[in-house]
Amino acid sequence: MEERKGLITMRGNPLTLVGNEVKTGDLAPDFEVLDNDLKPIKLSAFDGKVRIISSVPSLDTPVCDMETRRFNSEAVNMGDDVVILTISMDLPFAQKRWCGASGVEKVITASDHYDASFGRAYGVLIKELRLLSRAIFVIDRKAVVRYVQIVKELADEPDYEEVLKAVKSI
């Protein structure tokens, strides 16, 4: 399995990402994660739609909370052909609790805790922490990756405007 060192940091300390690097123009790899009811879901279940994948370390941290709430509010302005998935290593029970407490209804939260299928397929699994790095992938209706943003510092928010611009360009 490919390893990339120093691409991201936590409080300035370099971390190692494990998995295949996904680049703009690549065909989006399929993966299987668990929804909040412990049912497996695959990326391919959303074929024909524009997909925004927001990878976060944990919904129970302030930056991940803000990011997911922001995408939830942005989803209101997107059509029914846009799906936003927020994927973390949080257990599905914790994600369900967080969504209920946060009023998040437009973003689909999914857990990669079981076998890191998403993290490895997209190269965002943090070796030292077994968490996912903060990253955004925008995938078009034909499953082609149109935008990739790996956030350098784990505690920083992504550039939302660039993500929204990428979605609008599809």
N, C-alpha and C. Protein backbone atom coordinates (compact mmCIF):
# COMPACT_ATOMS: atom_id res chain seq x y z
N MET A 1 0.85 -1.17 0.00
CA MET A 1 0.00 0.00 0.00
C MET A 1 0.90 1.24 0.00
N GLU A 2 0.57 2.16 -0.84
CA GLU A 2 1.34 3.40 -0.99
C GLU A 2 1.29 4.24 0.28
N GLU A 3 2.41 4.86 0.63
CA GLU A 3 2.49 5.78 1.76
C GLU A 3 3.07 7.10 1.28
N ARG A 4 2.46 8.20 1.73
CA ARG A 4 2.94 9.55 1.40
C ARG A 4 3.17 10.30 2.69
N LYS A 5 4.41 10.70 2.94
CA LYS A 5 4.77 11.36 4.19
C LYS A 5 4.82 12.87 4.03
N GLY A 6 4.38 13.59 5.08
CA GLY A 6 4.53 15.04 5.13
C GLY A 6 3.55 15.84 4.30
N LEU A 7 2.59 15.18 3.67
CA LEU A 7 1.60 15.91 2.87
C LEU A 7 0.64 16.69 3.77
N ILE A 8 0.39 16.13 4.97
CA ILE A 8 -0.45 16.81 5.95
C ILE A 8 0.29 16.87 7.28
N THR A 9 -0.20 17.77 8.15
CA THR A 9 0.38 17.89 9.49
C THR A 9 -0.73 17.99 10.53
N MET A 10 -0.37 17.70 11.75
CA MET A 10 -1.24 17.95 12.90
C MET A 10 -0.43 18.77 13.88
N ARG A 11 -0.88 20.02 14.09
CA ARG A 11 -0.14 20.98 14.91
C ARG A 11 1.31 21.11 14.44
N GLY A 12 1.47 21.09 13.12
CA GLY A 12 2.79 21.25 12.53
C GLY A 12 3.61 19.99 12.42
N ASN A 13 3.17 18.89 13.03
CA ASN A 13 3.91 17.63 12.98
C ASN A 13 3.48 16.82 11.76
N PRO A 14 4.44 16.40 10.93
CA PRO A 14 4.10 15.65 9.71
C PRO A 14 3.46 14.29 10.02
N LEU A 15 2.50 13.93 9.16
CA LEU A 15 1.81 12.64 9.27
C LEU A 15 1.94 11.89 7.95
N THR A 16 1.63 10.60 7.98
CA THR A 16 1.74 9.74 6.80
C THR A 16 0.35 9.34 6.32
N LEU A 17 0.09 9.56 5.03
CA LEU A 17 -1.17 9.11 4.43
C LEU A 17 -0.94 7.76 3.75
N VAL A 18 -1.89 6.86 3.97
CA VAL A 18 -1.81 5.51 3.42
C VAL A 18 -2.91 5.33 2.39
N GLY A 19 -2.58 4.68 1.30
CA GLY A 19 -3.57 4.38 0.26
C GLY A 19 -3.19 4.98 -1.06
N ASN A 20 -4.04 4.75 -2.03
CA ASN A 20 -3.79 5.21 -3.39
C ASN A 20 -4.14 6.68 -3.54
N GLU A 21 -3.22 7.44 -4.11
CA GLU A 21 -3.49 8.85 -4.35
C GLU A 21 -4.51 8.99 -5.47
N VAL A 22 -5.55 9.76 -5.23
CA VAL A 22 -6.57 10.01 -6.24
C VAL A 22 -6.35 11.43 -6.77
N LYS A 23 -6.32 11.55 -8.10
CA LYS A 23 -6.04 12.84 -8.73
C LYS A 23 -7.21 13.26 -9.60
N THR A 24 -7.26 14.56 -9.87
CA THR A 24 -8.26 15.10 -10.80
C THR A 24 -8.11 14.38 -12.14
N GLY A 25 -9.25 13.96 -12.70
CA GLY A 25 -9.26 13.24 -13.97
C GLY A 25 -9.33 11.73 -13.82
N ASP A 26 -9.01 11.22 -12.61
CA ASP A 26 -9.11 9.77 -12.35
C ASP A 26 -10.57 9.34 -12.29
N LEU A 27 -10.80 8.08 -12.61
CA LEU A 27 -12.11 7.49 -12.36
C LEU A 27 -12.20 7.27 -10.85
N ALA A 28 -13.30 7.71 -10.25
CA ALA A 28 -13.44 7.62 -8.79
C ALA A 28 -13.51 6.17 -8.34
N PRO A 29 -12.62 5.77 -7.45
CA PRO A 29 -12.67 4.40 -6.95
C PRO A 29 -13.94 4.18 -6.12
N ASP A 30 -14.53 3.01 -6.26
CA ASP A 30 -15.68 2.69 -5.43
C ASP A 30 -15.17 2.26 -4.05
N PHE A 31 -16.01 2.34 -3.07
CA PHE A 31 -15.67 1.93 -1.70
C PHE A 31 -16.95 1.58 -0.99
N GLU A 32 -16.81 0.94 0.18
CA GLU A 32 -17.98 0.60 0.98
C GLU A 32 -17.79 1.09 2.40
N VAL A 33 -18.76 1.86 2.88
CA VAL A 33 -18.76 2.40 4.24
C VAL A 33 -20.11 2.05 4.86
N LEU A 34 -20.27 2.37 6.14
CA LEU A 34 -21.53 2.07 6.82
C LEU A 34 -22.32 3.35 7.06
N ASP A 35 -23.63 3.27 6.81
CA ASP A 35 -24.48 4.42 7.11
C ASP A 35 -24.81 4.42 8.61
N ASN A 36 -25.61 5.36 9.05
CA ASN A 36 -25.91 5.50 10.48
C ASN A 36 -26.74 4.35 11.05
N ASP A 37 -27.29 3.51 10.18
CA ASP A 37 -28.05 2.34 10.61
C ASP A 37 -27.28 1.05 10.39
N LEU A 38 -25.96 1.16 10.24
CA LEU A 38 -25.05 0.03 10.06
C LEU A 38 -25.24 -0.70 8.74
N LYS A 39 -25.87 -0.06 7.76
CA LYS A 39 -26.06 -0.66 6.45
C LYS A 39 -24.93 -0.21 5.54
N PRO A 40 -24.38 -1.16 4.77
CA PRO A 40 -23.30 -0.77 3.86
C PRO A 40 -23.82 0.09 2.71
N ILE A 41 -23.04 1.11 2.37
CA ILE A 41 -23.34 1.92 1.20
C ILE A 41 -22.05 2.08 0.39
N LYS A 42 -22.23 2.14 -0.91
CA LYS A 42 -21.10 2.31 -1.81
C LYS A 42 -21.23 3.63 -2.55
N LEU A 43 -20.12 4.15 -3.00
CA LEU A 43 -20.14 5.37 -3.80
C LEU A 43 -21.00 5.15 -5.05
N SER A 44 -20.91 3.96 -5.62
CA SER A 44 -21.65 3.65 -6.85
C SER A 44 -23.16 3.73 -6.67
N ALA A 45 -23.64 3.71 -5.43
CA ALA A 45 -25.08 3.86 -5.17
C ALA A 45 -25.57 5.24 -5.61
N PHE A 46 -24.66 6.17 -5.78
CA PHE A 46 -25.01 7.54 -6.16
C PHE A 46 -24.59 7.87 -7.60
N ASP A 47 -24.40 6.83 -8.42
CA ASP A 47 -24.04 7.05 -9.82
C ASP A 47 -25.09 7.94 -10.49
N GLY A 48 -24.63 8.78 -11.39
CA GLY A 48 -25.52 9.69 -12.10
C GLY A 48 -25.72 11.01 -11.38
N LYS A 49 -25.15 11.14 -10.19
CA LYS A 49 -25.25 12.39 -9.43
C LYS A 49 -23.85 12.98 -9.26
N VAL A 50 -23.81 14.26 -9.00
CA VAL A 50 -22.56 14.91 -8.62
C VAL A 50 -22.35 14.59 -7.14
N ARG A 51 -21.15 14.16 -6.78
CA ARG A 51 -20.87 13.78 -5.40
C ARG A 51 -19.76 14.62 -4.81
N ILE A 52 -20.02 15.15 -3.63
CA ILE A 52 -18.99 15.83 -2.85
C ILE A 52 -18.69 14.90 -1.69
N ILE A 53 -17.44 14.49 -1.59
CA ILE A 53 -17.02 13.68 -0.45
C ILE A 53 -16.17 14.56 0.44
N SER A 54 -16.62 14.70 1.68
CA SER A 54 -15.89 15.45 2.69
C SER A 54 -15.35 14.44 3.69
N SER A 55 -14.06 14.28 3.69
CA SER A 55 -13.38 13.36 4.60
C SER A 55 -12.92 14.15 5.82
N VAL A 56 -13.30 13.68 7.02
CA VAL A 56 -12.94 14.39 8.25
C VAL A 56 -12.41 13.42 9.31
N PRO A 57 -11.57 13.90 10.23
CA PRO A 57 -11.07 13.03 11.29
C PRO A 57 -12.18 12.56 12.24
N SER A 58 -13.00 13.47 12.78
CA SER A 58 -14.08 13.08 13.70
C SER A 58 -15.11 14.20 13.80
N LEU A 59 -16.37 13.84 13.68
CA LEU A 59 -17.45 14.82 13.79
C LEU A 59 -17.50 15.47 15.17
N ASP A 60 -16.93 14.81 16.16
CA ASP A 60 -16.94 15.32 17.53
C ASP A 60 -15.81 16.29 17.83
N THR A 61 -15.24 16.88 16.79
CA THR A 61 -14.22 17.91 16.99
C THR A 61 -14.74 19.21 16.38
N PRO A 62 -14.31 20.36 16.89
CA PRO A 62 -14.88 21.64 16.45
C PRO A 62 -14.79 21.92 14.95
N VAL A 63 -13.64 21.67 14.34
CA VAL A 63 -13.49 21.99 12.92
C VAL A 63 -14.35 21.06 12.05
N CYS A 64 -14.38 19.77 12.37
CA CYS A 64 -15.20 18.83 11.61
C CYS A 64 -16.68 19.16 11.77
N ASP A 65 -17.06 19.56 12.96
CA ASP A 65 -18.43 19.99 13.24
C ASP A 65 -18.79 21.19 12.34
N MET A 66 -17.93 22.21 12.34
CA MET A 66 -18.19 23.42 11.53
C MET A 66 -18.25 23.07 10.05
N GLU A 67 -17.32 22.25 9.60
CA GLU A 67 -17.26 21.89 8.19
C GLU A 67 -18.53 21.16 7.74
N THR A 68 -18.96 20.20 8.52
CA THR A 68 -20.14 19.42 8.14
C THR A 68 -21.40 20.27 8.20
N ARG A 69 -21.49 21.14 9.19
CA ARG A 69 -22.64 22.06 9.25
C ARG A 69 -22.63 23.01 8.06
N ARG A 70 -21.45 23.47 7.67
CA ARG A 70 -21.35 24.38 6.52
C ARG A 70 -21.82 23.68 5.24
N PHE A 71 -21.36 22.44 5.02
CA PHE A 71 -21.81 21.72 3.83
C PHE A 71 -23.31 21.42 3.89
N ASN A 72 -23.82 21.19 5.08
CA ASN A 72 -25.26 20.97 5.23
C ASN A 72 -26.04 22.22 4.81
N SER A 73 -25.56 23.39 5.21
CA SER A 73 -26.25 24.63 4.83
C SER A 73 -26.07 24.94 3.34
N GLU A 74 -24.92 24.62 2.78
CA GLU A 74 -24.69 24.83 1.34
C GLU A 74 -25.56 23.89 0.50
N ALA A 75 -25.87 22.72 1.03
CA ALA A 75 -26.66 21.72 0.29
C ALA A 75 -28.03 22.25 -0.09
N VAL A 76 -28.56 23.17 0.69
CA VAL A 76 -29.87 23.75 0.41
C VAL A 76 -29.89 24.43 -0.95
N ASN A 77 -28.75 25.00 -1.36
CA ASN A 77 -28.66 25.72 -2.63
C ASN A 77 -28.27 24.83 -3.81
N MET A 78 -28.06 23.55 -3.54
CA MET A 78 -27.68 22.62 -4.60
C MET A 78 -28.91 21.80 -4.99
N GLY A 79 -28.94 21.37 -6.22
CA GLY A 79 -30.08 20.59 -6.70
C GLY A 79 -30.09 19.18 -6.13
N ASP A 80 -31.13 18.45 -6.49
CA ASP A 80 -31.27 17.06 -6.04
C ASP A 80 -30.25 16.14 -6.69
N ASP A 81 -29.54 16.63 -7.69
CA ASP A 81 -28.55 15.78 -8.34
C ASP A 81 -27.16 15.92 -7.72
N VAL A 82 -27.08 16.60 -6.57
CA VAL A 82 -25.82 16.72 -5.84
C VAL A 82 -25.97 16.02 -4.48
N VAL A 83 -25.05 15.11 -4.19
CA VAL A 83 -25.04 14.38 -2.93
C VAL A 83 -23.77 14.75 -2.17
N ILE A 84 -23.92 15.03 -0.88
CA ILE A 84 -22.75 15.33 -0.05
C ILE A 84 -22.60 14.22 0.98
N LEU A 85 -21.45 13.58 0.95
CA LEU A 85 -21.11 12.52 1.90
C LEU A 85 -20.00 13.03 2.81
N THR A 86 -20.21 12.92 4.11
CA THR A 86 -19.13 13.20 5.06
C THR A 86 -18.73 11.87 5.65
N ILE A 87 -17.46 11.52 5.47
CA ILE A 87 -16.96 10.21 5.91
C ILE A 87 -15.91 10.41 6.98
N SER A 88 -16.05 9.65 8.07
CA SER A 88 -15.07 9.67 9.16
C SER A 88 -14.91 8.26 9.71
N MET A 89 -14.01 8.12 10.66
CA MET A 89 -13.83 6.84 11.34
C MET A 89 -14.74 6.72 12.56
N ASP A 90 -15.55 7.74 12.82
CA ASP A 90 -16.50 7.66 13.93
C ASP A 90 -17.42 6.46 13.74
N LEU A 91 -17.83 5.86 14.84
CA LEU A 91 -18.79 4.77 14.76
C LEU A 91 -20.14 5.30 14.27
N PRO A 92 -20.89 4.49 13.55
CA PRO A 92 -22.20 4.94 13.05
C PRO A 92 -23.12 5.46 14.15
N PHE A 93 -23.05 4.88 15.35
CA PHE A 93 -23.90 5.33 16.46
C PHE A 93 -23.57 6.77 16.83
N ALA A 94 -22.27 7.07 16.86
CA ALA A 94 -21.83 8.43 17.20
C ALA A 94 -22.24 9.40 16.10
N GLN A 95 -22.14 8.99 14.85
CA GLN A 95 -22.54 9.85 13.75
C GLN A 95 -24.04 10.15 13.81
N LYS A 96 -24.83 9.13 14.09
CA LYS A 96 -26.28 9.32 14.17
C LYS A 96 -26.63 10.28 15.30
N ARG A 97 -25.99 10.11 16.44
CA ARG A 97 -26.21 11.00 17.58
C ARG A 97 -25.81 12.44 17.22
N TRP A 98 -24.65 12.59 16.58
CA TRP A 98 -24.16 13.91 16.22
C TRP A 98 -25.13 14.59 15.24
N CYS A 99 -25.57 13.86 14.23
CA CYS A 99 -26.51 14.44 13.23
C CYS A 99 -27.80 14.90 13.91
N GLY A 100 -28.34 14.09 14.81
CA GLY A 100 -29.56 14.46 15.52
C GLY A 100 -29.36 15.70 16.37
N ALA A 101 -28.25 15.77 17.07
CA ALA A 101 -27.97 16.92 17.95
C ALA A 101 -27.64 18.18 17.14
N SER A 102 -27.13 18.01 15.94
CA SER A 102 -26.68 19.14 15.13
C SER A 102 -27.71 19.59 14.09
N GLY A 103 -28.75 18.81 13.91
CA GLY A 103 -29.77 19.15 12.92
C GLY A 103 -29.28 18.99 11.49
N VAL A 104 -28.31 18.13 11.28
CA VAL A 104 -27.77 17.90 9.93
C VAL A 104 -28.64 16.86 9.24
N GLU A 105 -29.29 17.30 8.15
CA GLU A 105 -30.20 16.42 7.43
C GLU A 105 -29.87 16.29 5.95
N LYS A 106 -29.13 17.22 5.41
CA LYS A 106 -28.83 17.22 3.97
C LYS A 106 -27.54 16.47 3.63
N VAL A 107 -26.65 16.35 4.60
CA VAL A 107 -25.39 15.65 4.40
C VAL A 107 -25.57 14.21 4.88
N ILE A 108 -25.06 13.27 4.09
CA ILE A 108 -25.08 11.86 4.50
C ILE A 108 -23.78 11.58 5.22
N THR A 109 -23.86 11.17 6.49
CA THR A 109 -22.64 10.80 7.21
C THR A 109 -22.45 9.29 7.10
N ALA A 110 -21.20 8.89 6.95
CA ALA A 110 -20.89 7.47 6.79
C ALA A 110 -19.59 7.16 7.53
N SER A 111 -19.52 5.93 8.02
CA SER A 111 -18.39 5.50 8.82
C SER A 111 -17.47 4.56 8.03
N ASP A 112 -16.19 4.83 8.10
CA ASP A 112 -15.17 4.01 7.45
C ASP A 112 -14.40 3.18 8.48
N HIS A 113 -14.97 3.07 9.69
CA HIS A 113 -14.24 2.45 10.81
C HIS A 113 -13.95 0.97 10.59
N TYR A 114 -14.79 0.28 9.86
CA TYR A 114 -14.67 -1.18 9.77
C TYR A 114 -13.37 -1.64 9.11
N ASP A 115 -13.15 -1.21 7.88
CA ASP A 115 -11.93 -1.66 7.20
C ASP A 115 -11.20 -0.57 6.40
N ALA A 116 -11.57 0.67 6.66
CA ALA A 116 -10.91 1.81 6.01
C ALA A 116 -10.95 1.70 4.48
N SER A 117 -12.05 1.18 3.95
CA SER A 117 -12.21 1.02 2.50
C SER A 117 -12.05 2.35 1.77
N PHE A 118 -12.73 3.38 2.26
CA PHE A 118 -12.62 4.70 1.64
C PHE A 118 -11.22 5.28 1.83
N GLY A 119 -10.74 5.27 3.07
CA GLY A 119 -9.44 5.86 3.38
C GLY A 119 -8.31 5.31 2.54
N ARG A 120 -8.30 4.01 2.34
CA ARG A 120 -7.26 3.38 1.52
C ARG A 120 -7.46 3.66 0.03
N ALA A 121 -8.72 3.61 -0.42
CA ALA A 121 -9.02 3.82 -1.84
C ALA A 121 -8.69 5.25 -2.29
N TYR A 122 -8.78 6.22 -1.36
CA TYR A 122 -8.56 7.62 -1.71
C TYR A 122 -7.26 8.18 -1.13
N GLY A 123 -6.50 7.35 -0.42
CA GLY A 123 -5.20 7.77 0.09
C GLY A 123 -5.26 8.80 1.19
N VAL A 124 -6.32 8.73 2.03
CA VAL A 124 -6.48 9.72 3.09
C VAL A 124 -6.49 9.10 4.49
N LEU A 125 -6.07 7.85 4.60
CA LEU A 125 -5.99 7.19 5.90
C LEU A 125 -4.68 7.62 6.58
N ILE A 126 -4.78 8.17 7.78
CA ILE A 126 -3.59 8.62 8.51
C ILE A 126 -3.00 7.43 9.26
N LYS A 127 -1.81 7.04 8.87
CA LYS A 127 -1.15 5.85 9.44
C LYS A 127 -0.99 5.95 10.95
N GLU A 128 -0.52 7.09 11.43
CA GLU A 128 -0.21 7.23 12.85
C GLU A 128 -1.44 7.26 13.75
N LEU A 129 -2.59 7.63 13.22
CA LEU A 129 -3.79 7.84 14.06
C LEU A 129 -4.97 6.92 13.71
N ARG A 130 -4.89 6.25 12.57
CA ARG A 130 -6.02 5.48 12.01
C ARG A 130 -7.30 6.33 11.99
N LEU A 131 -7.12 7.56 11.56
CA LEU A 131 -8.21 8.49 11.29
C LEU A 131 -8.09 8.91 9.83
N LEU A 132 -9.12 9.57 9.33
CA LEU A 132 -9.06 10.09 7.97
C LEU A 132 -8.57 11.53 8.00
N SER A 133 -7.81 11.91 6.99
CA SER A 133 -7.37 13.29 6.90
C SER A 133 -8.52 14.16 6.40
N ARG A 134 -8.37 15.46 6.54
CA ARG A 134 -9.38 16.39 6.05
C ARG A 134 -9.13 16.58 4.55
N ALA A 135 -10.10 16.16 3.75
CA ALA A 135 -9.96 16.25 2.30
C ALA A 135 -11.34 16.37 1.66
N ILE A 136 -11.36 16.92 0.46
CA ILE A 136 -12.60 17.05 -0.30
C ILE A 136 -12.36 16.49 -1.70
N PHE A 137 -13.32 15.71 -2.17
CA PHE A 137 -13.30 15.18 -3.53
C PHE A 137 -14.63 15.54 -4.17
N VAL A 138 -14.59 16.06 -5.38
CA VAL A 138 -15.81 16.33 -6.14
C VAL A 138 -15.78 15.40 -7.35
N ILE A 139 -16.86 14.64 -7.49
CA ILE A 139 -16.96 13.61 -8.52
C ILE A 139 -18.17 13.91 -9.40
N ASP A 140 -17.96 13.86 -10.71
CA ASP A 140 -19.06 14.20 -11.61
C ASP A 140 -20.03 13.02 -11.82
N ARG A 141 -21.04 13.24 -12.64
CA ARG A 141 -22.09 12.24 -12.88
C ARG A 141 -21.56 10.97 -13.53
N LYS A 142 -20.40 11.07 -14.19
CA LYS A 142 -19.82 9.91 -14.87
C LYS A 142 -18.72 9.26 -14.03
N ALA A 143 -18.65 9.62 -12.76
CA ALA A 143 -17.69 9.05 -11.79
C ALA A 143 -16.24 9.47 -12.06
N VAL A 144 -16.06 10.65 -12.65
CA VAL A 144 -14.71 11.18 -12.85
C VAL A 144 -14.44 12.21 -11.76
N VAL A 145 -13.27 12.10 -11.13
CA VAL A 145 -12.88 13.04 -10.09
C VAL A 145 -12.56 14.38 -10.76
N ARG A 146 -13.28 15.43 -10.37
CA ARG A 146 -13.12 16.74 -10.98
C ARG A 146 -12.38 17.73 -10.08
N TYR A 147 -12.25 17.40 -8.80
CA TYR A 147 -11.59 18.32 -7.87
C TYR A 147 -11.10 17.53 -6.66
N VAL A 148 -9.89 17.85 -6.22
CA VAL A 148 -9.31 17.23 -5.02
C VAL A 148 -8.69 18.33 -4.17
N GLN A 149 -9.00 18.31 -2.88
CA GLN A 149 -8.38 19.25 -1.93
C GLN A 149 -7.97 18.46 -0.69
N ILE A 150 -6.67 18.33 -0.49
CA ILE A 150 -6.14 17.72 0.73
C ILE A 150 -5.72 18.89 1.61
N VAL A 151 -6.38 19.05 2.75
CA VAL A 151 -6.08 20.18 3.64
C VAL A 151 -4.78 19.89 4.37
N LYS A 152 -3.82 20.79 4.21
CA LYS A 152 -2.46 20.57 4.75
C LYS A 152 -2.44 20.38 6.27
N GLU A 153 -3.05 21.29 7.00
CA GLU A 153 -3.07 21.20 8.47
C GLU A 153 -4.41 20.63 8.90
N LEU A 154 -4.36 19.53 9.63
CA LEU A 154 -5.56 18.80 10.04
C LEU A 154 -6.58 19.67 10.76
N ALA A 155 -6.10 20.69 11.47
CA ALA A 155 -7.01 21.55 12.25
C ALA A 155 -7.60 22.71 11.44
N ASP A 156 -7.25 22.82 10.15
CA ASP A 156 -7.76 23.91 9.31
C ASP A 156 -9.00 23.45 8.55
N GLU A 157 -9.88 24.42 8.25
CA GLU A 157 -11.04 24.14 7.42
C GLU A 157 -10.63 24.12 5.95
N PRO A 158 -11.42 23.44 5.12
CA PRO A 158 -11.11 23.46 3.69
C PRO A 158 -11.48 24.81 3.08
N ASP A 159 -11.08 25.02 1.85
CA ASP A 159 -11.45 26.21 1.10
C ASP A 159 -12.82 25.94 0.47
N TYR A 160 -13.87 26.34 1.16
CA TYR A 160 -15.24 26.06 0.72
C TYR A 160 -15.54 26.67 -0.65
N GLU A 161 -15.06 27.88 -0.87
CA GLU A 161 -15.37 28.57 -2.13
C GLU A 161 -14.83 27.80 -3.33
N GLU A 162 -13.64 27.23 -3.19
CA GLU A 162 -13.07 26.42 -4.28
C GLU A 162 -13.89 25.17 -4.53
N VAL A 163 -14.38 24.55 -3.46
CA VAL A 163 -15.23 23.35 -3.59
C VAL A 163 -16.51 23.72 -4.33
N LEU A 164 -17.17 24.80 -3.90
CA LEU A 164 -18.43 25.21 -4.52
C LEU A 164 -18.22 25.61 -5.99
N LYS A 165 -17.10 26.24 -6.27
CA LYS A 165 -16.77 26.62 -7.65
C LYS A 165 -16.61 25.35 -8.52
N ALA A 166 -15.97 24.33 -7.96
CA ALA A 166 -15.79 23.07 -8.69
C ALA A 166 -17.13 22.40 -8.97
N VAL A 167 -18.03 22.42 -8.00
CA VAL A 167 -19.34 21.81 -8.18
C VAL A 167 -20.13 22.56 -9.25
N LYS A 168 -20.08 23.87 -9.22
CA LYS A 168 -20.82 24.68 -10.19
C LYS A 168 -20.29 24.51 -11.61
N SER A 169 -19.00 24.16 -11.74
CA SER A 169 -18.41 24.01 -13.06
C SER A 169 -18.81 22.70 -13.75
N ILE A 170 -19.41 21.80 -13.00
CA ILE A 170 -19.80 20.50 -13.57
C ILE A 170 -21.13 20.61 -14.26
